[in-house]
Amino acid sequence: MKNQKFEIVGTQSNIDWVGRKVTGAHNGTIAIKKGELILNDGKLVGGKIVVDTTSVKILDITDPATNGQFAGHLASDDFFSSEKYPEALLEIVSVSGNRADGNLTIKASRIPLILMPW
């Protein structure tokens, strides 16, 4: 069977994220602008997702001031540099079983990563 491409509808999609550190973790969402997933015989084989770095939401911090401070930190040059780089790119380059290998490009820097089981 040939590859099939499926468009990700950005207005109906987002990524749930978890950021872990030694002292705990935080979680939230970030919007998908657009993307596609490629399947072969019904199995994921690749894809690209364009992420809107200006849309980061932190869900576990309920105090508005602290939430705003953390969101500002994520948008700053310390992390996304959202003003200069409003998009990040997640590319799935290979899939084996329930593991996908890919690249995440943030601030024009490519980072190899492993996407764990979904």
PDB file of N, CA and C in Angstrom:
ATOM      1  N   MET A   1       0.849  -1.187   0.000  1.00  0.00           N
ATOM      2  CA  MET A   1       0.000   0.000   0.000  1.00  0.00           C
ATOM      3  C   MET A   1       0.888   1.241   0.000  1.00  0.00           C
ATOM      4  N   LYS A   2       0.462   2.282  -0.671  1.00  0.00           N
ATOM      5  CA  LYS A   2       1.254   3.503  -0.703  1.00  0.00           C
ATOM      6  C   LYS A   2       0.995   4.353   0.529  1.00  0.00           C
ATOM      7  N   ASN A   3       1.891   5.312   0.720  1.00  0.00           N
ATOM      8  CA  ASN A   3       1.749   6.221   1.855  1.00  0.00           C
ATOM      9  C   ASN A   3       0.486   7.062   1.719  1.00  0.00           C
ATOM     10  N   GLN A   4      -0.143   7.311   2.862  1.00  0.00           N
ATOM     11  CA  GLN A   4      -1.300   8.195   2.927  1.00  0.00           C
ATOM     12  C   GLN A   4      -0.939   9.361   3.827  1.00  0.00           C
ATOM     13  N   LYS A   5      -1.263  10.574   3.400  1.00  0.00           N
ATOM     14  CA  LYS A   5      -1.019  11.769   4.203  1.00  0.00           C
ATOM     15  C   LYS A   5      -2.335  12.243   4.800  1.00  0.00           C
ATOM     16  N   PHE A   6      -2.279  12.560   6.083  1.00  0.00           N
ATOM     17  CA  PHE A   6      -3.436  13.076   6.793  1.00  0.00           C
ATOM     18  C   PHE A   6      -3.083  14.445   7.351  1.00  0.00           C
ATOM     19  N   GLU A   7      -3.873  15.441   6.984  1.00  0.00           N
ATOM     20  CA  GLU A   7      -3.653  16.799   7.442  1.00  0.00           C
ATOM     21  C   GLU A   7      -4.135  16.955   8.883  1.00  0.00           C
ATOM     22  N   ILE A   8      -3.336  17.632   9.668  1.00  0.00           N
ATOM     23  CA  ILE A   8      -3.722  17.984  11.034  1.00  0.00           C
ATOM     24  C   ILE A   8      -4.412  19.343  10.962  1.00  0.00           C
ATOM     25  N   VAL A   9      -5.609  19.426  11.475  1.00  0.00           N
ATOM     26  CA  VAL A   9      -6.364  20.679  11.475  1.00  0.00           C
ATOM     27  C   VAL A   9      -5.951  21.463  12.720  1.00  0.00           C
ATOM     28  N   GLY A  10      -5.193  22.521  12.492  1.00  0.00           N
ATOM     29  CA  GLY A  10      -4.639  23.289  13.604  1.00  0.00           C
ATOM     30  C   GLY A  10      -5.676  23.849  14.550  1.00  0.00           C
ATOM     31  N   THR A  11      -6.797  24.293  14.032  1.00  0.00           N
ATOM     32  CA  THR A  11      -7.828  24.885  14.890  1.00  0.00           C
ATOM     33  C   THR A  11      -8.492  23.860  15.799  1.00  0.00           C
ATOM     34  N   GLN A  12      -8.280  22.577  15.526  1.00  0.00           N
ATOM     35  CA  GLN A  12      -8.889  21.519  16.337  1.00  0.00           C
ATOM     36  C   GLN A  12      -7.845  20.683  17.072  1.00  0.00           C
ATOM     37  N   SER A  13      -6.593  21.153  17.077  1.00  0.00           N
ATOM     38  CA  SER A  13      -5.511  20.318  17.609  1.00  0.00           C
ATOM     39  C   SER A  13      -4.596  21.110  18.535  1.00  0.00           C
ATOM     40  N   ASN A  14      -4.011  20.405  19.477  1.00  0.00           N
ATOM     41  CA  ASN A  14      -2.953  20.970  20.305  1.00  0.00           C
ATOM     42  C   ASN A  14      -2.093  19.830  20.833  1.00  0.00           C
ATOM     43  N   ILE A  15      -1.019  20.196  21.460  1.00  0.00           N
ATOM     44  CA  ILE A  15      -0.109  19.230  22.069  1.00  0.00           C
ATOM     45  C   ILE A  15      -0.199  19.403  23.575  1.00  0.00           C
ATOM     46  N   ASP A  16      -0.407  18.313  24.292  1.00  0.00           N
ATOM     47  CA  ASP A  16      -0.312  18.327  25.751  1.00  0.00           C
ATOM     48  C   ASP A  16       1.155  18.111  26.097  1.00  0.00           C
ATOM     49  N   TRP A  17       1.709  18.962  26.940  1.00  0.00           N
ATOM     50  CA  TRP A  17       3.115  18.828  27.295  1.00  0.00           C
ATOM     51  C   TRP A  17       3.285  18.668  28.806  1.00  0.00           C
ATOM     52  N   VAL A  18       4.388  18.031  29.170  1.00  0.00           N
ATOM     53  CA  VAL A  18       4.818  17.911  30.558  1.00  0.00           C
ATOM     54  C   VAL A  18       6.295  18.272  30.592  1.00  0.00           C
ATOM     55  N   GLY A  19       6.639  19.224  31.436  1.00  0.00           N
ATOM     56  CA  GLY A  19       8.033  19.607  31.645  1.00  0.00           C
ATOM     57  C   GLY A  19       8.462  19.148  33.021  1.00  0.00           C
ATOM     58  N   ARG A  20       9.485  18.310  33.069  1.00  0.00           N
ATOM     59  CA  ARG A  20       9.950  17.771  34.346  1.00  0.00           C
ATOM     60  C   ARG A  20      11.270  18.412  34.754  1.00  0.00           C
ATOM     61  N   LYS A  21      11.422  18.564  36.059  1.00  0.00           N
ATOM     62  CA  LYS A  21      12.665  19.055  36.642  1.00  0.00           C
ATOM     63  C   LYS A  21      12.911  18.284  37.928  1.00  0.00           C
ATOM     64  N   VAL A  22      14.049  18.468  38.527  1.00  0.00           N
ATOM     65  CA  VAL A  22      14.413  17.717  39.731  1.00  0.00           C
ATOM     66  C   VAL A  22      13.390  17.908  40.841  1.00  0.00           C
ATOM     67  N   THR A  23      12.854  19.112  40.957  1.00  0.00           N
ATOM     68  CA  THR A  23      11.946  19.414  42.060  1.00  0.00           C
ATOM     69  C   THR A  23      10.466  19.224  41.729  1.00  0.00           C
ATOM     70  N   GLY A  24      10.145  18.720  40.546  1.00  0.00           N
ATOM     71  CA  GLY A  24       8.737  18.520  40.212  1.00  0.00           C
ATOM     72  C   GLY A  24       8.491  18.585  38.717  1.00  0.00           C
ATOM     73  N   ALA A  25       7.279  18.966  38.350  1.00  0.00           N
ATOM     74  CA  ALA A  25       6.904  19.027  36.942  1.00  0.00           C
ATOM     75  C   ALA A  25       5.800  20.053  36.750  1.00  0.00           C
ATOM     76  N   HIS A  26       5.629  20.482  35.519  1.00  0.00           N
ATOM     77  CA  HIS A  26       4.533  21.357  35.130  1.00  0.00           C
ATOM     78  C   HIS A  26       3.910  20.782  33.873  1.00  0.00           C
ATOM     79  N   ASN A  27       2.654  21.146  33.609  1.00  0.00           N
ATOM     80  CA  ASN A  27       2.005  20.658  32.398  1.00  0.00           C
ATOM     81  C   ASN A  27       1.131  21.735  31.789  1.00  0.00           C
ATOM     82  N   GLY A  28       0.847  21.548  30.500  1.00  0.00           N
ATOM     83  CA  GLY A  28       0.012  22.507  29.803  1.00  0.00           C
ATOM     84  C   GLY A  28      -0.258  22.078  28.384  1.00  0.00           C
ATOM     85  N   THR A  29      -0.578  23.057  27.554  1.00  0.00           N
ATOM     86  CA  THR A  29      -0.842  22.800  26.142  1.00  0.00           C
ATOM     87  C   THR A  29      -0.100  23.819  25.295  1.00  0.00           C
ATOM     88  N   ILE A  30       0.067  23.475  24.020  1.00  0.00           N
ATOM     89  CA  ILE A  30       0.615  24.391  23.022  1.00  0.00           C
ATOM     90  C   ILE A  30      -0.095  24.067  21.710  1.00  0.00           C
ATOM     91  N   ALA A  31      -0.446  25.100  20.963  1.00  0.00           N
ATOM     92  CA  ALA A  31      -1.254  24.918  19.755  1.00  0.00           C
ATOM     93  C   ALA A  31      -0.427  24.422  18.575  1.00  0.00           C
ATOM     94  N   ILE A  32      -1.100  23.679  17.729  1.00  0.00           N
ATOM     95  CA  ILE A  32      -0.528  23.249  16.450  1.00  0.00           C
ATOM     96  C   ILE A  32      -1.059  24.195  15.382  1.00  0.00           C
ATOM     97  N   LYS A  33      -0.149  24.780  14.584  1.00  0.00           N
ATOM     98  CA  LYS A  33      -0.582  25.644  13.488  1.00  0.00           C
ATOM     99  C   LYS A  33      -1.054  24.806  12.302  1.00  0.00           C
ATOM    100  N   LYS A  34      -0.252  23.800  11.968  1.00  0.00           N
ATOM    101  CA  LYS A  34      -0.592  22.912  10.851  1.00  0.00           C
ATOM    102  C   LYS A  34       0.327  21.706  10.923  1.00  0.00           C
ATOM    103  N   GLY A  35       0.015  20.708  10.130  1.00  0.00           N
ATOM    104  CA  GLY A  35       0.880  19.546  10.098  1.00  0.00           C
ATOM    105  C   GLY A  35       0.274  18.424   9.285  1.00  0.00           C
ATOM    106  N   GLU A  36       1.058  17.359   9.193  1.00  0.00           N
ATOM    107  CA  GLU A  36       0.583  16.166   8.507  1.00  0.00           C
ATOM    108  C   GLU A  36       1.226  14.942   9.129  1.00  0.00           C
ATOM    109  N   LEU A  37       0.486  13.853   9.104  1.00  0.00           N
ATOM    110  CA  LEU A  37       0.999  12.561   9.532  1.00  0.00           C
ATOM    111  C   LEU A  37       0.976  11.651   8.315  1.00  0.00           C
ATOM    112  N   ILE A  38       2.004  10.834   8.163  1.00  0.00           N
ATOM    113  CA  ILE A  38       2.106   9.923   7.031  1.00  0.00           C
ATOM    114  C   ILE A  38       1.982   8.500   7.549  1.00  0.00           C
ATOM    115  N   LEU A  39       1.036   7.770   6.977  1.00  0.00           N
ATOM    116  CA  LEU A  39       0.805   6.372   7.349  1.00  0.00           C
ATOM    117  C   LEU A  39       1.051   5.473   6.145  1.00  0.00           C
ATOM    118  N   ASN A  40       1.559   4.283   6.418  1.00  0.00           N
ATOM    119  CA  ASN A  40       1.730   3.260   5.404  1.00  0.00           C
ATOM    120  C   ASN A  40       1.120   1.989   5.972  1.00  0.00           C
ATOM    121  N   ASP A  41       0.171   1.417   5.268  1.00  0.00           N
ATOM    122  CA  ASP A  41      -0.568   0.250   5.757  1.00  0.00           C
ATOM    123  C   ASP A  41      -1.173   0.495   7.139  1.00  0.00           C
ATOM    124  N   GLY A  42      -1.637   1.727   7.358  1.00  0.00           N
ATOM    125  CA  GLY A  42      -2.283   2.068   8.618  1.00  0.00           C
ATOM    126  C   GLY A  42      -1.342   2.333   9.773  1.00  0.00           C
ATOM    127  N   LYS A  43      -0.028   2.338   9.510  1.00  0.00           N
ATOM    128  CA  LYS A  43       0.948   2.572  10.582  1.00  0.00           C
ATOM    129  C   LYS A  43       1.705   3.872  10.331  1.00  0.00           C
ATOM    130  N   LEU A  44       1.929   4.614  11.402  1.00  0.00           N
ATOM    131  CA  LEU A  44       2.661   5.867  11.311  1.00  0.00           C
ATOM    132  C   LEU A  44       4.081   5.619  10.816  1.00  0.00           C
ATOM    133  N   VAL A  45       4.506   6.395   9.797  1.00  0.00           N
ATOM    134  CA  VAL A  45       5.877   6.286   9.292  1.00  0.00           C
ATOM    135  C   VAL A  45       6.601   7.630   9.264  1.00  0.00           C
ATOM    136  N   GLY A  46       5.859   8.730   9.430  1.00  0.00           N
ATOM    137  CA  GLY A  46       6.499  10.036   9.404  1.00  0.00           C
ATOM    138  C   GLY A  46       5.489  11.143   9.593  1.00  0.00           C
ATOM    139  N   GLY A  47       5.998  12.362   9.555  1.00  0.00           N
ATOM    140  CA  GLY A  47       5.118  13.509   9.656  1.00  0.00           C
ATOM    141  C   GLY A  47       5.860  14.763  10.070  1.00  0.00           C
ATOM    142  N   LYS A  48       5.153  15.877   9.963  1.00  0.00           N
ATOM    143  CA  LYS A  48       5.676  17.180  10.366  1.00  0.00           C
ATOM    144  C   LYS A  48       4.559  17.939  11.061  1.00  0.00           C
ATOM    145  N   ILE A  49       4.919  18.628  12.136  1.00  0.00           N
ATOM    146  CA  ILE A  49       3.960  19.425  12.883  1.00  0.00           C
ATOM    147  C   ILE A  49       4.586  20.791  13.149  1.00  0.00           C
ATOM    148  N   VAL A  50       3.886  21.847  12.744  1.00  0.00           N
ATOM    149  CA  VAL A  50       4.327  23.213  13.025  1.00  0.00           C
ATOM    150  C   VAL A  50       3.604  23.670  14.289  1.00  0.00           C
ATOM    151  N   VAL A  51       4.388  24.063  15.290  1.00  0.00           N
ATOM    152  CA  VAL A  51       3.867  24.428  16.605  1.00  0.00           C
ATOM    153  C   VAL A  51       3.906  25.943  16.773  1.00  0.00           C
ATOM    154  N   ASP A  52       2.851  26.505  17.342  1.00  0.00           N
ATOM    155  CA  ASP A  52       2.747  27.935  17.613  1.00  0.00           C
ATOM    156  C   ASP A  52       3.350  28.223  18.986  1.00  0.00           C
ATOM    157  N   THR A  53       4.592  28.700  19.018  1.00  0.00           N
ATOM    158  CA  THR A  53       5.279  28.904  20.300  1.00  0.00           C
ATOM    159  C   THR A  53       4.681  30.049  21.114  1.00  0.00           C
ATOM    160  N   THR A  54       3.833  30.870  20.492  1.00  0.00           N
ATOM    161  CA  THR A  54       3.211  31.981  21.222  1.00  0.00           C
ATOM    162  C   THR A  54       1.979  31.543  21.997  1.00  0.00           C
ATOM    163  N   SER A  55       1.597  30.268  21.863  1.00  0.00           N
ATOM    164  CA  SER A  55       0.333  29.799  22.442  1.00  0.00           C
ATOM    165  C   SER A  55       0.488  28.930  23.690  1.00  0.00           C
ATOM    166  N   VAL A  56       1.667  28.909  24.284  1.00  0.00           N
ATOM    167  CA  VAL A  56       1.900  28.047  25.436  1.00  0.00           C
ATOM    168  C   VAL A  56       0.957  28.406  26.584  1.00  0.00           C
ATOM    169  N   LYS A  57       0.310  27.386  27.123  1.00  0.00           N
ATOM    170  CA  LYS A  57      -0.544  27.558  28.304  1.00  0.00           C
ATOM    171  C   LYS A  57      -0.033  26.621  29.393  1.00  0.00           C
ATOM    172  N   ILE A  58       0.006  27.127  30.617  1.00  0.00           N
ATOM    173  CA  ILE A  58       0.400  26.329  31.775  1.00  0.00           C
ATOM    174  C   ILE A  58      -0.876  26.011  32.544  1.00  0.00           C
ATOM    175  N   LEU A  59      -1.176  24.743  32.707  1.00  0.00           N
ATOM    176  CA  LEU A  59      -2.446  24.339  33.315  1.00  0.00           C
ATOM    177  C   LEU A  59      -2.359  24.053  34.815  1.00  0.00           C
ATOM    178  N   ASP A  60      -1.179  23.741  35.326  1.00  0.00           N
ATOM    179  CA  ASP A  60      -1.089  23.331  36.732  1.00  0.00           C
ATOM    180  C   ASP A  60      -0.789  24.482  37.688  1.00  0.00           C
ATOM    181  N   ILE A  61      -0.542  25.666  37.187  1.00  0.00           N
ATOM    182  CA  ILE A  61      -0.285  26.823  38.053  1.00  0.00           C
ATOM    183  C   ILE A  61      -1.523  27.706  38.023  1.00  0.00           C
ATOM    184  N   THR A  62      -2.248  27.743  39.134  1.00  0.00           N
ATOM    185  CA  THR A  62      -3.532  28.443  39.172  1.00  0.00           C
ATOM    186  C   THR A  62      -3.428  29.902  39.594  1.00  0.00           C
ATOM    187  N   ASP A  63      -2.363  30.284  40.281  1.00  0.00           N
ATOM    188  CA  ASP A  63      -2.189  31.680  40.669  1.00  0.00           C
ATOM    189  C   ASP A  63      -1.876  32.500  39.416  1.00  0.00           C
ATOM    190  N   PRO A  64      -2.719  33.490  39.076  1.00  0.00           N
ATOM    191  CA  PRO A  64      -2.533  34.230  37.829  1.00  0.00           C
ATOM    192  C   PRO A  64      -1.167  34.904  37.699  1.00  0.00           C
ATOM    193  N   ALA A  65      -0.659  35.474  38.761  1.00  0.00           N
ATOM    194  CA  ALA A  65       0.633  36.163  38.687  1.00  0.00           C
ATOM    195  C   ALA A  65       1.763  35.175  38.425  1.00  0.00           C
ATOM    196  N   THR A  66       1.759  34.064  39.136  1.00  0.00           N
ATOM    197  CA  THR A  66       2.802  33.045  38.954  1.00  0.00           C
ATOM    198  C   THR A  66       2.692  32.412  37.572  1.00  0.00           C
ATOM    199  N   ASN A  67       1.467  32.153  37.126  1.00  0.00           N
ATOM    200  CA  ASN A  67       1.247  31.580  35.807  1.00  0.00           C
ATOM    201  C   ASN A  67       1.783  32.523  34.732  1.00  0.00           C
ATOM    202  N   GLY A  68       1.478  33.801  34.849  1.00  0.00           N
ATOM    203  CA  GLY A  68       1.948  34.787  33.883  1.00  0.00           C
ATOM    204  C   GLY A  68       3.456  34.908  33.867  1.00  0.00           C
ATOM    205  N   GLN A  69       4.061  34.820  35.047  1.00  0.00           N
ATOM    206  CA  GLN A  69       5.518  34.889  35.144  1.00  0.00           C
ATOM    207  C   GLN A  69       6.156  33.691  34.438  1.00  0.00           C
ATOM    208  N   PHE A  70       5.608  32.500  34.669  1.00  0.00           N
ATOM    209  CA  PHE A  70       6.136  31.294  34.049  1.00  0.00           C
ATOM    210  C   PHE A  70       5.919  31.327  32.536  1.00  0.00           C
ATOM    211  N   ALA A  71       4.733  31.757  32.091  1.00  0.00           N
ATOM    212  CA  ALA A  71       4.454  31.863  30.655  1.00  0.00           C
ATOM    213  C   ALA A  71       5.429  32.842  30.004  1.00  0.00           C
ATOM    214  N   GLY A  72       5.707  33.938  30.687  1.00  0.00           N
ATOM    215  CA  GLY A  72       6.690  34.900  30.178  1.00  0.00           C
ATOM    216  C   GLY A  72       8.072  34.297  30.067  1.00  0.00           C
ATOM    217  N   HIS A  73       8.435  33.472  31.032  1.00  0.00           N
ATOM    218  CA  HIS A  73       9.728  32.784  31.004  1.00  0.00           C
ATOM    219  C   HIS A  73       9.816  31.855  29.788  1.00  0.00           C
ATOM    220  N   LEU A  74       8.740  31.105  29.516  1.00  0.00           N
ATOM    221  CA  LEU A  74       8.742  30.191  28.372  1.00  0.00           C
ATOM    222  C   LEU A  74       8.790  30.946  27.044  1.00  0.00           C
ATOM    223  N   ALA A  75       8.176  32.128  26.987  1.00  0.00           N
ATOM    224  CA  ALA A  75       8.184  32.931  25.763  1.00  0.00           C
ATOM    225  C   ALA A  75       9.496  33.692  25.577  1.00  0.00           C
ATOM    226  N   SER A  76      10.281  33.839  26.637  1.00  0.00           N
ATOM    227  CA  SER A  76      11.506  34.643  26.597  1.00  0.00           C
ATOM    228  C   SER A  76      12.640  33.921  25.866  1.00  0.00           C
ATOM    229  N   ASP A  77      13.761  34.625  25.750  1.00  0.00           N
ATOM    230  CA  ASP A  77      14.951  34.040  25.116  1.00  0.00           C
ATOM    231  C   ASP A  77      15.502  32.856  25.902  1.00  0.00           C
ATOM    232  N   ASP A  78      15.081  32.696  27.172  1.00  0.00           N
ATOM    233  CA  ASP A  78      15.510  31.540  27.958  1.00  0.00           C
ATOM    234  C   ASP A  78      14.977  30.236  27.377  1.00  0.00           C
ATOM    235  N   PHE A  79      13.853  30.321  26.643  1.00  0.00           N
ATOM    236  CA  PHE A  79      13.251  29.093  26.137  1.00  0.00           C
ATOM    237  C   PHE A  79      12.886  29.213  24.663  1.00  0.00           C
ATOM    238  N   PHE A  80      11.675  29.655  24.325  1.00  0.00           N
ATOM    239  CA  PHE A  80      11.216  29.675  22.935  1.00  0.00           C
ATOM    240  C   PHE A  80      11.641  30.897  22.132  1.00  0.00           C
ATOM    241  N   SER A  81      11.910  32.038  22.761  1.00  0.00           N
ATOM    242  CA  SER A  81      12.109  33.299  22.026  1.00  0.00           C
ATOM    243  C   SER A  81      10.945  33.517  21.065  1.00  0.00           C
ATOM    244  N   SER A  82       9.731  33.442  21.601  1.00  0.00           N
ATOM    245  CA  SER A  82       8.519  33.440  20.781  1.00  0.00           C
ATOM    246  C   SER A  82       8.367  34.652  19.874  1.00  0.00           C
ATOM    247  N   GLU A  83       8.854  35.804  20.317  1.00  0.00           N
ATOM    248  CA  GLU A  83       8.727  36.995  19.475  1.00  0.00           C
ATOM    249  C   GLU A  83       9.552  36.839  18.194  1.00  0.00           C
ATOM    250  N   LYS A  84      10.747  36.322  18.321  1.00  0.00           N
ATOM    251  CA  LYS A  84      11.634  36.142  17.160  1.00  0.00           C
ATOM    252  C   LYS A  84      11.333  34.844  16.413  1.00  0.00           C
ATOM    253  N   TYR A  85      10.941  33.795  17.135  1.00  0.00           N
ATOM    254  CA  TYR A  85      10.674  32.483  16.552  1.00  0.00           C
ATOM    255  C   TYR A  85       9.270  32.015  16.949  1.00  0.00           C
ATOM    256  N   PRO A  86       8.231  32.507  16.273  1.00  0.00           N
ATOM    257  CA  PRO A  86       6.868  32.162  16.663  1.00  0.00           C
ATOM    258  C   PRO A  86       6.464  30.721  16.316  1.00  0.00           C
ATOM    259  N   GLU A  87       7.338  30.009  15.627  1.00  0.00           N
ATOM    260  CA  GLU A  87       7.036  28.622  15.271  1.00  0.00           C
ATOM    261  C   GLU A  87       8.196  27.702  15.637  1.00  0.00           C
ATOM    262  N   ALA A  88       7.845  26.485  15.983  1.00  0.00           N
ATOM    263  CA  ALA A  88       8.809  25.397  16.158  1.00  0.00           C
ATOM    264  C   ALA A  88       8.337  24.274  15.245  1.00  0.00           C
ATOM    265  N   LEU A  89       9.240  23.373  14.879  1.00  0.00           N
ATOM    266  CA  LEU A  89       8.895  22.293  13.966  1.00  0.00           C
ATOM    267  C   LEU A  89       9.253  20.949  14.584  1.00  0.00           C
ATOM    268  N   LEU A  90       8.284  20.060  14.617  1.00  0.00           N
ATOM    269  CA  LEU A  90       8.493  18.690  15.069  1.00  0.00           C
ATOM    270  C   LEU A  90       8.390  17.787  13.851  1.00  0.00           C
ATOM    271  N   GLU A  91       9.467  17.055  13.553  1.00  0.00           N
ATOM    272  CA  GLU A  91       9.492  16.139  12.412  1.00  0.00           C
ATOM    273  C   GLU A  91       9.663  14.713  12.912  1.00  0.00           C
ATOM    274  N   ILE A  92       8.804  13.829  12.467  1.00  0.00           N
ATOM    275  CA  ILE A  92       8.944  12.402  12.766  1.00  0.00           C
ATOM    276  C   ILE A  92       9.726  11.802  11.604  1.00  0.00           C
ATOM    277  N   VAL A  93      10.918  11.260  11.904  1.00  0.00           N
ATOM    278  CA  VAL A  93      11.775  10.770  10.815  1.00  0.00           C
ATOM    279  C   VAL A  93      11.793   9.251  10.691  1.00  0.00           C
ATOM    280  N   SER A  94      11.477   8.541  11.768  1.00  0.00           N
ATOM    281  CA  SER A  94      11.389   7.085  11.680  1.00  0.00           C
ATOM    282  C   SER A  94      10.525   6.559  12.816  1.00  0.00           C
ATOM    283  N   VAL A  95       9.923   5.402  12.571  1.00  0.00           N
ATOM    284  CA  VAL A  95       9.053   4.788  13.572  1.00  0.00           C
ATOM    285  C   VAL A  95       9.369   3.296  13.614  1.00  0.00           C
ATOM    286  N   SER A  96       9.501   2.779  14.838  1.00  0.00           N
ATOM    287  CA  SER A  96       9.716   1.349  15.040  1.00  0.00           C
ATOM    288  C   SER A  96       8.850   0.921  16.223  1.00  0.00           C
ATOM    289  N   GLY A  97       7.820   0.124  15.948  1.00  0.00           N
ATOM    290  CA  GLY A  97       6.899  -0.276  17.012  1.00  0.00           C
ATOM    291  C   GLY A  97       6.190   0.940  17.565  1.00  0.00           C
ATOM    292  N   ASN A  98       6.264   1.134  18.876  1.00  0.00           N
ATOM    293  CA  ASN A  98       5.635   2.289  19.531  1.00  0.00           C
ATOM    294  C   ASN A  98       6.620   3.413  19.807  1.00  0.00           C
ATOM    295  N   ARG A  99       7.747   3.409  19.124  1.00  0.00           N
ATOM    296  CA  ARG A  99       8.755   4.444  19.333  1.00  0.00           C
ATOM    297  C   ARG A  99       8.975   5.198  18.025  1.00  0.00           C
ATOM    298  N   ALA A 100       8.950   6.508  18.120  1.00  0.00           N
ATOM    299  CA  ALA A 100       9.230   7.349  16.961  1.00  0.00           C
ATOM    300  C   ALA A 100      10.459   8.197  17.256  1.00  0.00           C
ATOM    301  N   ASP A 101      11.338   8.293  16.289  1.00  0.00           N
ATOM    302  CA  ASP A 101      12.495   9.176  16.384  1.00  0.00           C
ATOM    303  C   ASP A 101      12.209  10.407  15.540  1.00  0.00           C
ATOM    304  N   GLY A 102      12.648  11.549  16.024  1.00  0.00           N
ATOM    305  CA  GLY A 102      12.374  12.760  15.288  1.00  0.00           C
ATOM    306  C   GLY A 102      13.334  13.871  15.619  1.00  0.00           C
ATOM    307  N   ASN A 103      13.032  15.013  15.076  1.00  0.00           N
ATOM    308  CA  ASN A 103      13.793  16.223  15.327  1.00  0.00           C
ATOM    309  C   ASN A 103      12.828  17.320  15.745  1.00  0.00           C
ATOM    310  N   LEU A 104      13.241  18.101  16.726  1.00  0.00           N
ATOM    311  CA  LEU A 104      12.491  19.263  17.167  1.00  0.00           C
ATOM    312  C   LEU A 104      13.366  20.472  16.891  1.00  0.00           C
ATOM    313  N   THR A 105      12.862  21.392  16.073  1.00  0.00           N
ATOM    314  CA  THR A 105      13.612  22.606  15.762  1.00  0.00           C
ATOM    315  C   THR A 105      12.982  23.766  16.525  1.00  0.00           C
ATOM    316  N   ILE A 106      13.762  24.299  17.458  1.00  0.00           N
ATOM    317  CA  ILE A 106      13.365  25.452  18.262  1.00  0.00           C
ATOM    318  C   ILE A 106      14.455  26.506  18.116  1.00  0.00           C
ATOM    319  N   LYS A 107      14.074  27.733  17.857  1.00  0.00           N
ATOM    320  CA  LYS A 107      15.021  28.839  17.701  1.00  0.00           C
ATOM    321  C   LYS A 107      16.100  28.489  16.670  1.00  0.00           C
ATOM    322  N   ALA A 108      15.706  27.889  15.561  1.00  0.00           N
ATOM    323  CA  ALA A 108      16.588  27.530  14.453  1.00  0.00           C
ATOM    324  C   ALA A 108      17.640  26.485  14.843  1.00  0.00           C
ATOM    325  N   SER A 109      17.469  25.814  15.975  1.00  0.00           N
ATOM    326  CA  SER A 109      18.375  24.746  16.395  1.00  0.00           C
ATOM    327  C   SER A 109      17.625  23.425  16.388  1.00  0.00           C
ATOM    328  N   ARG A 110      18.200  22.431  15.717  1.00  0.00           N
ATOM    329  CA  ARG A 110      17.570  21.111  15.623  1.00  0.00           C
ATOM    330  C   ARG A 110      18.042  20.228  16.764  1.00  0.00           C
ATOM    331  N   ILE A 111      17.071  19.611  17.450  1.00  0.00           N
ATOM    332  CA  ILE A 111      17.343  18.740  18.588  1.00  0.00           C
ATOM    333  C   ILE A 111      16.785  17.355  18.274  1.00  0.00           C
ATOM    334  N   PRO A 112      17.632  16.322  18.232  1.00  0.00           N
ATOM    335  CA  PRO A 112      17.080  14.972  18.037  1.00  0.00           C
ATOM    336  C   PRO A 112      16.305  14.531  19.274  1.00  0.00           C
ATOM    337  N   LEU A 113      15.225  13.782  19.065  1.00  0.00           N
ATOM    338  CA  LEU A 113      14.445  13.327  20.208  1.00  0.00           C
ATOM    339  C   LEU A 113      13.781  11.987  19.930  1.00  0.00           C
ATOM    340  N   ILE A 114      13.337  11.376  20.989  1.00  0.00           N
ATOM    341  CA  ILE A 114      12.601  10.118  20.919  1.00  0.00           C
ATOM    342  C   ILE A 114      11.204  10.381  21.460  1.00  0.00           C
ATOM    343  N   LEU A 115      10.195  10.057  20.659  1.00  0.00           N
ATOM    344  CA  LEU A 115       8.798  10.166  21.099  1.00  0.00           C
ATOM    345  C   LEU A 115       8.404   8.814  21.646  1.00  0.00           C
ATOM    346  N   MET A 116       8.100   8.754  22.914  1.00  0.00           N
ATOM    347  CA  MET A 116       7.810   7.491  23.566  1.00  0.00           C
ATOM    348  C   MET A 116       6.403   7.007  23.205  1.00  0.00           C
ATOM    349  N   PRO A 117       6.052   5.812  23.635  1.00  0.00           N
ATOM    350  CA  PRO A 117       4.767   5.206  23.238  1.00  0.00           C
ATOM    351  C   PRO A 117       3.577   6.137  23.417  1.00  0.00           C
ATOM    352  N   TRP A 118       2.710   6.048  22.453  1.00  0.00           N
ATOM    353  CA  TRP A 118       1.484   6.851  22.477  1.00  0.00           C
ATOM    354  C   TRP A 118       0.297   6.008  22.773  1.00  0.00           C
TER     355      TRP A 118
END
